[in-house]
């Protein structure tokens, strides 16, 4: 099963639930793509993305409303995705979603 596709996710953050859309492209052990979220006005590029079986990891750096690098780890199970995201000074959050 590939991680490639469009994913609708919800992150449970200290600031409340945050919806986002991930567009992931798996190419062997590499993962690229973009992330769009209402909290970040610009589309974020996915960097340092890796794939190992059903486990994924990537980073997304945002500049607004404040600069921070989000660090994601996730597991894909069919058309479901879930994992954790490190929010810099704001701690950690969980997220889940589905391919859509």
N, C-alpha and C. Protein backbone atom coordinates (compact mmCIF):
# COMPACT_ATOMS: atom_id res chain seq x y z
N UNK A 1 0.85 -1.18 0.00
CA UNK A 1 0.00 0.00 0.00
C UNK A 1 0.89 1.23 0.00
N UNK A 2 0.61 2.15 -0.86
CA UNK A 2 1.39 3.38 -0.97
C UNK A 2 0.78 4.50 -0.13
N UNK A 3 1.63 5.40 0.31
CA UNK A 3 1.16 6.57 1.04
C UNK A 3 0.76 7.69 0.09
N UNK A 4 1.04 7.53 -1.19
CA UNK A 4 0.72 8.57 -2.17
C UNK A 4 -0.77 8.86 -2.21
N UNK A 5 -1.10 10.13 -2.31
CA UNK A 5 -2.49 10.52 -2.42
C UNK A 5 -2.78 11.75 -1.59
N UNK A 6 -4.05 12.11 -1.55
CA UNK A 6 -4.52 13.26 -0.78
C UNK A 6 -5.17 12.76 0.50
N UNK A 7 -4.74 13.32 1.62
CA UNK A 7 -5.21 12.91 2.94
C UNK A 7 -5.84 14.09 3.65
N UNK A 8 -7.01 13.91 4.20
CA UNK A 8 -7.67 14.91 5.03
C UNK A 8 -7.40 14.53 6.48
N UNK A 9 -6.68 15.39 7.20
CA UNK A 9 -6.31 15.06 8.58
C UNK A 9 -6.82 16.11 9.55
N UNK A 10 -6.91 15.72 10.80
CA UNK A 10 -7.24 16.63 11.89
C UNK A 10 -6.19 16.45 12.98
N UNK A 11 -5.56 17.56 13.35
CA UNK A 11 -4.55 17.54 14.41
C UNK A 11 -5.17 18.04 15.70
N UNK A 12 -4.96 17.30 16.78
CA UNK A 12 -5.45 17.70 18.09
C UNK A 12 -4.31 18.45 18.78
N UNK A 13 -4.37 19.78 18.74
CA UNK A 13 -3.28 20.61 19.24
C UNK A 13 -3.69 21.34 20.52
N UNK A 14 -2.73 21.93 21.22
CA UNK A 14 -3.08 22.74 22.40
C UNK A 14 -3.99 23.92 22.06
N UNK A 15 -4.01 24.33 20.77
CA UNK A 15 -4.87 25.42 20.33
C UNK A 15 -6.20 24.91 19.78
N UNK A 16 -6.50 23.64 20.00
CA UNK A 16 -7.74 23.05 19.49
C UNK A 16 -7.50 22.23 18.23
N UNK A 17 -8.55 21.68 17.68
CA UNK A 17 -8.46 20.85 16.47
C UNK A 17 -8.08 21.73 15.28
N UNK A 18 -7.13 21.24 14.48
CA UNK A 18 -6.68 21.94 13.29
C UNK A 18 -6.79 21.00 12.10
N UNK A 19 -7.56 21.38 11.09
CA UNK A 19 -7.71 20.56 9.89
C UNK A 19 -6.60 20.89 8.90
N UNK A 20 -6.17 19.88 8.15
CA UNK A 20 -5.15 20.08 7.13
C UNK A 20 -5.35 19.07 6.01
N UNK A 21 -4.78 19.39 4.86
CA UNK A 21 -4.79 18.47 3.72
C UNK A 21 -3.34 18.16 3.37
N UNK A 22 -3.02 16.88 3.37
CA UNK A 22 -1.69 16.42 2.96
C UNK A 22 -1.78 15.87 1.55
N UNK A 23 -0.84 16.26 0.71
CA UNK A 23 -0.71 15.66 -0.61
C UNK A 23 0.66 15.00 -0.63
N UNK A 24 0.65 13.67 -0.50
CA UNK A 24 1.89 12.91 -0.36
C UNK A 24 2.24 12.17 -1.63
N UNK A 25 3.54 12.10 -1.92
CA UNK A 25 4.06 11.34 -3.05
C UNK A 25 5.17 10.44 -2.53
N UNK A 26 4.93 9.14 -2.60
CA UNK A 26 5.93 8.15 -2.16
C UNK A 26 6.72 7.70 -3.37
N UNK A 27 8.05 7.71 -3.25
CA UNK A 27 8.94 7.26 -4.32
C UNK A 27 10.02 6.42 -3.68
N UNK A 28 9.76 5.11 -3.57
CA UNK A 28 10.67 4.23 -2.87
C UNK A 28 10.68 4.57 -1.40
N UNK A 29 11.86 4.91 -0.86
CA UNK A 29 11.97 5.26 0.55
C UNK A 29 11.83 6.77 0.79
N UNK A 30 11.57 7.54 -0.28
CA UNK A 30 11.46 8.99 -0.16
C UNK A 30 9.99 9.42 -0.16
N UNK A 31 9.70 10.46 0.61
CA UNK A 31 8.35 11.01 0.69
C UNK A 31 8.43 12.51 0.47
N UNK A 32 7.64 13.02 -0.49
CA UNK A 32 7.57 14.45 -0.76
C UNK A 32 6.10 14.85 -0.81
N UNK A 33 5.86 16.14 -1.00
CA UNK A 33 4.49 16.61 -1.12
C UNK A 33 4.31 17.96 -0.50
N UNK A 34 3.03 18.27 -0.19
CA UNK A 34 2.68 19.56 0.40
C UNK A 34 1.63 19.36 1.48
N UNK A 35 1.49 20.39 2.30
CA UNK A 35 0.47 20.40 3.35
C UNK A 35 -0.21 21.75 3.33
N UNK A 36 -1.53 21.75 3.38
CA UNK A 36 -2.31 22.98 3.44
C UNK A 36 -3.13 22.96 4.71
N UNK A 37 -3.14 24.10 5.43
CA UNK A 37 -3.92 24.20 6.66
C UNK A 37 -4.41 25.62 6.81
N UNK A 38 -5.58 25.77 7.41
CA UNK A 38 -6.14 27.11 7.63
C UNK A 38 -5.22 27.94 8.53
N UNK A 39 -4.53 27.30 9.48
CA UNK A 39 -3.66 28.02 10.41
C UNK A 39 -2.39 28.54 9.73
N UNK A 40 -2.02 27.96 8.59
CA UNK A 40 -0.84 28.39 7.84
C UNK A 40 -1.31 28.88 6.47
N UNK A 41 -1.23 30.18 6.20
CA UNK A 41 -1.79 30.71 4.96
C UNK A 41 -1.11 30.21 3.69
N UNK A 42 0.14 29.80 3.77
CA UNK A 42 0.85 29.31 2.60
C UNK A 42 0.90 27.79 2.60
N UNK A 43 0.93 27.19 1.40
CA UNK A 43 1.10 25.75 1.28
C UNK A 43 2.51 25.41 1.74
N UNK A 44 2.63 24.41 2.60
CA UNK A 44 3.92 24.02 3.16
C UNK A 44 4.52 22.86 2.39
N UNK A 45 5.80 22.96 2.07
CA UNK A 45 6.51 21.87 1.40
C UNK A 45 6.92 20.83 2.43
N UNK A 46 6.74 19.57 2.09
CA UNK A 46 7.19 18.47 2.94
C UNK A 46 8.65 18.21 2.63
N UNK A 47 9.50 18.18 3.67
CA UNK A 47 10.93 17.96 3.51
C UNK A 47 11.36 16.78 4.38
N UNK A 48 12.53 16.25 4.08
CA UNK A 48 13.14 15.17 4.86
C UNK A 48 12.18 13.99 5.03
N UNK A 49 11.34 13.74 4.02
CA UNK A 49 10.35 12.67 4.12
C UNK A 49 10.93 11.29 3.87
N UNK A 50 10.54 10.35 4.72
CA UNK A 50 11.00 8.96 4.57
C UNK A 50 9.83 8.00 4.70
N UNK A 51 10.00 6.84 4.06
CA UNK A 51 9.02 5.75 4.11
C UNK A 51 9.76 4.48 4.47
N UNK A 52 9.26 3.78 5.48
CA UNK A 52 9.81 2.48 5.84
C UNK A 52 8.62 1.58 6.14
N UNK A 53 8.24 0.78 5.14
CA UNK A 53 7.04 -0.04 5.28
C UNK A 53 5.82 0.85 5.39
N UNK A 54 5.06 0.71 6.47
CA UNK A 54 3.87 1.55 6.67
C UNK A 54 4.17 2.77 7.54
N UNK A 55 5.45 2.96 7.90
CA UNK A 55 5.85 4.09 8.75
C UNK A 55 6.37 5.24 7.90
N UNK A 56 5.90 6.45 8.22
CA UNK A 56 6.31 7.65 7.50
C UNK A 56 6.89 8.66 8.49
N UNK A 57 7.74 9.54 7.98
CA UNK A 57 8.25 10.66 8.76
C UNK A 57 8.52 11.80 7.80
N UNK A 58 8.25 13.05 8.24
CA UNK A 58 8.54 14.22 7.42
C UNK A 58 8.52 15.46 8.29
N UNK A 59 8.98 16.56 7.67
CA UNK A 59 8.96 17.87 8.32
C UNK A 59 8.23 18.85 7.41
N UNK A 60 7.65 19.87 8.01
CA UNK A 60 7.02 20.97 7.27
C UNK A 60 7.31 22.25 8.04
N UNK A 61 7.95 23.21 7.38
CA UNK A 61 8.31 24.47 8.04
C UNK A 61 7.32 25.55 7.65
N UNK A 62 6.78 26.21 8.68
CA UNK A 62 5.86 27.30 8.44
C UNK A 62 6.48 28.61 8.90
N UNK A 63 6.06 29.71 8.28
CA UNK A 63 6.58 31.03 8.65
C UNK A 63 5.49 31.90 9.25
N UNK A 64 4.21 31.57 8.99
CA UNK A 64 3.10 32.37 9.53
C UNK A 64 2.03 31.42 10.05
N UNK A 65 1.35 31.68 11.11
CA UNK A 65 1.41 32.94 11.85
C UNK A 65 2.68 33.11 12.67
N UNK A 66 3.48 32.07 12.84
CA UNK A 66 4.79 32.18 13.47
C UNK A 66 5.69 31.11 12.89
N UNK A 67 6.99 31.37 12.91
CA UNK A 67 7.94 30.42 12.35
C UNK A 67 8.09 29.21 13.26
N UNK A 68 7.93 28.02 12.67
CA UNK A 68 8.18 26.78 13.39
C UNK A 68 8.27 25.63 12.40
N UNK A 69 9.01 24.61 12.77
CA UNK A 69 9.10 23.40 11.96
C UNK A 69 8.29 22.32 12.64
N UNK A 70 7.32 21.79 11.92
CA UNK A 70 6.50 20.68 12.41
C UNK A 70 7.19 19.38 12.03
N UNK A 71 7.32 18.46 12.98
CA UNK A 71 7.99 17.19 12.73
C UNK A 71 6.96 16.07 12.93
N UNK A 72 6.65 15.37 11.83
CA UNK A 72 5.61 14.35 11.82
C UNK A 72 6.18 12.94 11.82
N UNK A 73 5.53 12.03 12.52
CA UNK A 73 5.72 10.59 12.36
C UNK A 73 4.32 10.01 12.21
N UNK A 74 4.18 9.03 11.32
CA UNK A 74 2.84 8.51 11.03
C UNK A 74 2.90 7.06 10.61
N UNK A 75 1.74 6.43 10.70
CA UNK A 75 1.54 5.07 10.22
C UNK A 75 0.35 5.08 9.27
N UNK A 76 0.51 4.43 8.12
CA UNK A 76 -0.57 4.29 7.16
C UNK A 76 -1.12 2.88 7.27
N UNK A 77 -2.45 2.78 7.35
CA UNK A 77 -3.14 1.48 7.39
C UNK A 77 -4.28 1.55 6.39
N UNK A 78 -4.01 1.10 5.17
CA UNK A 78 -5.01 1.19 4.11
C UNK A 78 -5.27 2.64 3.76
N UNK A 79 -6.51 3.09 3.95
CA UNK A 79 -6.87 4.48 3.66
C UNK A 79 -6.95 5.33 4.91
N UNK A 80 -6.30 4.89 5.99
CA UNK A 80 -6.26 5.64 7.25
C UNK A 80 -4.81 5.99 7.57
N UNK A 81 -4.63 7.17 8.16
CA UNK A 81 -3.31 7.63 8.59
C UNK A 81 -3.44 8.19 10.00
N UNK A 82 -2.43 7.96 10.82
CA UNK A 82 -2.45 8.53 12.17
C UNK A 82 -1.01 8.66 12.64
N UNK A 83 -0.82 9.54 13.62
CA UNK A 83 0.53 9.73 14.13
C UNK A 83 0.65 10.87 15.10
N UNK A 84 1.88 11.36 15.22
CA UNK A 84 2.23 12.44 16.15
C UNK A 84 2.93 13.55 15.39
N UNK A 85 2.81 14.75 15.91
CA UNK A 85 3.52 15.89 15.34
C UNK A 85 4.09 16.72 16.48
N UNK A 86 5.39 17.02 16.37
CA UNK A 86 6.06 17.90 17.33
C UNK A 86 5.85 19.33 16.87
N UNK A 87 5.35 20.18 17.78
CA UNK A 87 4.98 21.56 17.46
C UNK A 87 5.95 22.57 18.03
N UNK A 88 7.22 22.22 18.10
CA UNK A 88 8.21 23.15 18.64
C UNK A 88 7.89 23.50 20.08
N UNK A 89 7.86 24.80 20.39
CA UNK A 89 7.62 25.27 21.76
C UNK A 89 6.21 24.95 22.26
N UNK A 90 5.32 24.54 21.35
CA UNK A 90 3.93 24.24 21.73
C UNK A 90 3.72 22.77 22.11
N UNK A 91 4.79 22.01 22.18
CA UNK A 91 4.67 20.61 22.61
C UNK A 91 4.35 19.67 21.46
N UNK A 92 3.58 18.65 21.76
CA UNK A 92 3.24 17.62 20.77
C UNK A 92 1.75 17.53 20.58
N UNK A 93 1.36 16.98 19.44
CA UNK A 93 -0.04 16.77 19.14
C UNK A 93 -0.18 15.43 18.43
N UNK A 94 -1.39 14.93 18.37
CA UNK A 94 -1.68 13.74 17.60
C UNK A 94 -2.50 14.15 16.39
N UNK A 95 -2.53 13.30 15.38
CA UNK A 95 -3.38 13.55 14.23
C UNK A 95 -3.87 12.24 13.66
N UNK A 96 -4.96 12.33 12.95
CA UNK A 96 -5.50 11.17 12.23
C UNK A 96 -6.30 11.68 11.05
N UNK A 97 -6.53 10.79 10.11
CA UNK A 97 -7.30 11.18 8.95
C UNK A 97 -7.44 10.03 7.97
N UNK A 98 -7.99 10.38 6.81
CA UNK A 98 -8.24 9.36 5.80
C UNK A 98 -7.91 9.90 4.42
N UNK A 99 -7.69 8.95 3.51
CA UNK A 99 -7.40 9.31 2.13
C UNK A 99 -8.70 9.82 1.53
N UNK A 100 -8.62 10.94 0.85
CA UNK A 100 -9.85 11.49 0.31
C UNK A 100 -9.63 12.08 -0.98
